[in-house]
Protein backbone atom coordinates (compact mmCIF):
# COMPACT_ATOMS: atom_id res chain seq x y z
CA MET A 1 -19.59 -4.10 -13.30
CA ALA A 2 -15.91 -3.21 -12.79
CA ILE A 3 -13.61 -5.64 -9.90
CA TYR A 4 -10.74 -3.44 -8.44
CA TYR A 5 -8.73 -4.26 -6.04
CA TYR A 6 -6.69 -1.36 -3.94
CA ALA A 7 -3.29 -1.88 -2.48
CA TYR A 8 -1.76 0.83 -0.42
CA SER A 9 2.26 0.91 -0.30
CA GLY A 10 4.98 2.73 -0.04
CA HIS A 11 8.41 3.05 1.95
CA LYS A 12 7.04 2.66 4.75
CA TYR A 13 4.73 0.39 4.48
CA GLY A 14 6.66 -2.25 1.80
CA LEU A 15 5.64 -4.67 -1.20
CA ASP A 16 3.66 -6.85 0.66
CA ARG A 17 -0.12 -5.34 0.29
CA VAL A 18 1.16 -5.37 -3.58
CA LYS A 19 2.38 -8.30 -3.69
CA ARG A 20 -1.06 -10.07 -2.18
CA ALA A 21 -3.32 -7.90 -4.83
CA VAL A 22 -0.97 -9.53 -7.59
CA ALA A 23 -1.28 -12.79 -6.50
CA LEU A 24 -4.85 -12.97 -6.44
CA ILE A 25 -5.01 -10.67 -9.82
CA LYS A 26 -4.00 -13.79 -12.00
CA ALA A 27 -5.40 -15.98 -9.77
CA LEU A 28 -8.56 -15.14 -10.90
CA ARG A 29 -7.62 -13.75 -14.46
CA THR A 30 -7.54 -17.91 -15.17
CA GLN A 31 -11.11 -18.35 -14.50
CA GLY A 32 -11.64 -15.53 -16.15
CA VAL A 33 -11.95 -12.60 -14.07
CA GLU A 34 -10.45 -9.44 -14.73
CA VAL A 35 -9.39 -7.29 -11.93
CA ASN A 36 -7.91 -3.41 -12.39
CA LEU A 37 -5.77 -2.84 -9.61
CA LEU A 38 -5.32 0.65 -7.86
CA LEU A 39 -2.09 1.87 -6.18
CA ASN A 40 -1.33 5.45 -4.11
CA ASP A 41 2.39 4.25 -5.29
CA PHE A 42 3.24 4.79 -8.81
CA ARG A 43 6.28 2.70 -7.90
CA ALA A 44 4.33 0.25 -6.67
CA GLY A 45 2.84 0.05 -9.83
CA LEU A 46 6.60 -0.60 -11.54
CA ALA A 47 6.87 -3.67 -8.78
CA ALA A 48 3.30 -4.56 -9.69
CA ARG A 49 4.46 -4.89 -13.67
CA GLU A 50 8.13 -6.66 -13.34
CA LEU A 51 5.32 -9.23 -10.68
CA GLY A 52 2.82 -9.70 -14.20
CA VAL A 53 0.65 -7.60 -13.49
CA MET A 54 0.80 -5.00 -16.19
CA ASP A 55 -2.06 -1.85 -15.65
CA SER A 56 -2.68 -0.54 -12.85
CA VAL A 57 -4.20 2.95 -11.64
CA THR A 58 -2.98 5.65 -9.14
CA VAL A 59 -4.76 7.00 -7.24
CA GLU A 60 -4.05 9.61 -4.27
CA THR A 61 -5.92 7.17 -1.15
CA ILE A 62 -8.59 5.22 0.29
CA TRP A 63 -10.47 8.15 -0.45
CA ASP A 64 -9.75 8.39 -4.51
CA ILE A 65 -10.88 4.83 -4.84
CA ASP A 66 -14.80 6.13 -5.41
CA ALA A 67 -12.79 8.20 -8.18
CA VAL A 68 -12.54 5.38 -10.37
CA ALA A 69 -14.89 2.97 -9.00
CA LYS A 70 -18.73 2.59 -10.28
CA ARG A 71 -21.66 1.82 -7.48
CA GLY A 72 -22.54 -1.64 -7.55
CA ASP A 73 -18.77 -2.67 -9.06
CA ILE A 74 -16.75 -4.58 -6.37
CA VAL A 75 -13.73 -3.58 -4.80
CA PHE A 76 -11.56 -4.94 -2.45
CA ILE A 77 -9.61 -2.79 0.32
CA ASP A 78 -5.96 -4.08 1.24
CA SER A 79 -4.58 -0.61 3.43
CA PRO A 80 -3.84 0.52 6.91
CA GLU A 81 -5.04 4.09 6.37
CA ASP A 82 -7.64 6.13 8.51
CA ASP A 83 -10.52 5.75 6.09
CA LYS A 84 -12.27 7.98 8.28
CA GLY A 85 -15.71 6.70 7.69
CA LYS A 86 -15.25 7.00 3.88
CA LEU A 87 -15.48 2.61 4.10
CA GLU A 88 -19.45 3.36 5.59
CA ASP A 89 -19.81 5.75 2.42
CA TYR A 90 -17.94 2.87 0.54
CA SER A 91 -20.39 -0.48 1.30
CA ASP A 92 -23.66 1.42 0.46
CA GLU A 93 -21.57 2.19 -3.14
CA TYR A 94 -19.76 -0.78 -4.12
CA ASN A 95 -21.25 -4.53 -3.62
CA PRO A 96 -20.44 -6.65 -3.16
CA LEU A 97 -16.92 -4.92 -0.83
CA PHE A 98 -13.90 -6.50 0.84
CA TYR A 99 -11.46 -4.77 2.69
CA VAL A 100 -8.44 -6.48 3.83
């Protein structure tokens, strides 16, 4: 089982979601819990690196989380994107699923 945190960012939305993700990931790492950061923007990964999370994976949109996460993984989603019903599918795949 793996844990993923997907944070949507970009020029229009800023880096607030990335900052929130980094804060949670760093706090969980102090407890020995490893969380993988998923971002939709490569430059947001550079910002996350500056904030202390060195590794991230870039995915296109909220629809592409399932290209990385597998059934039974834990997923946090912090995104204003229209999921077009994908969250319903995700709630069946990932347990638990957190929507921030």
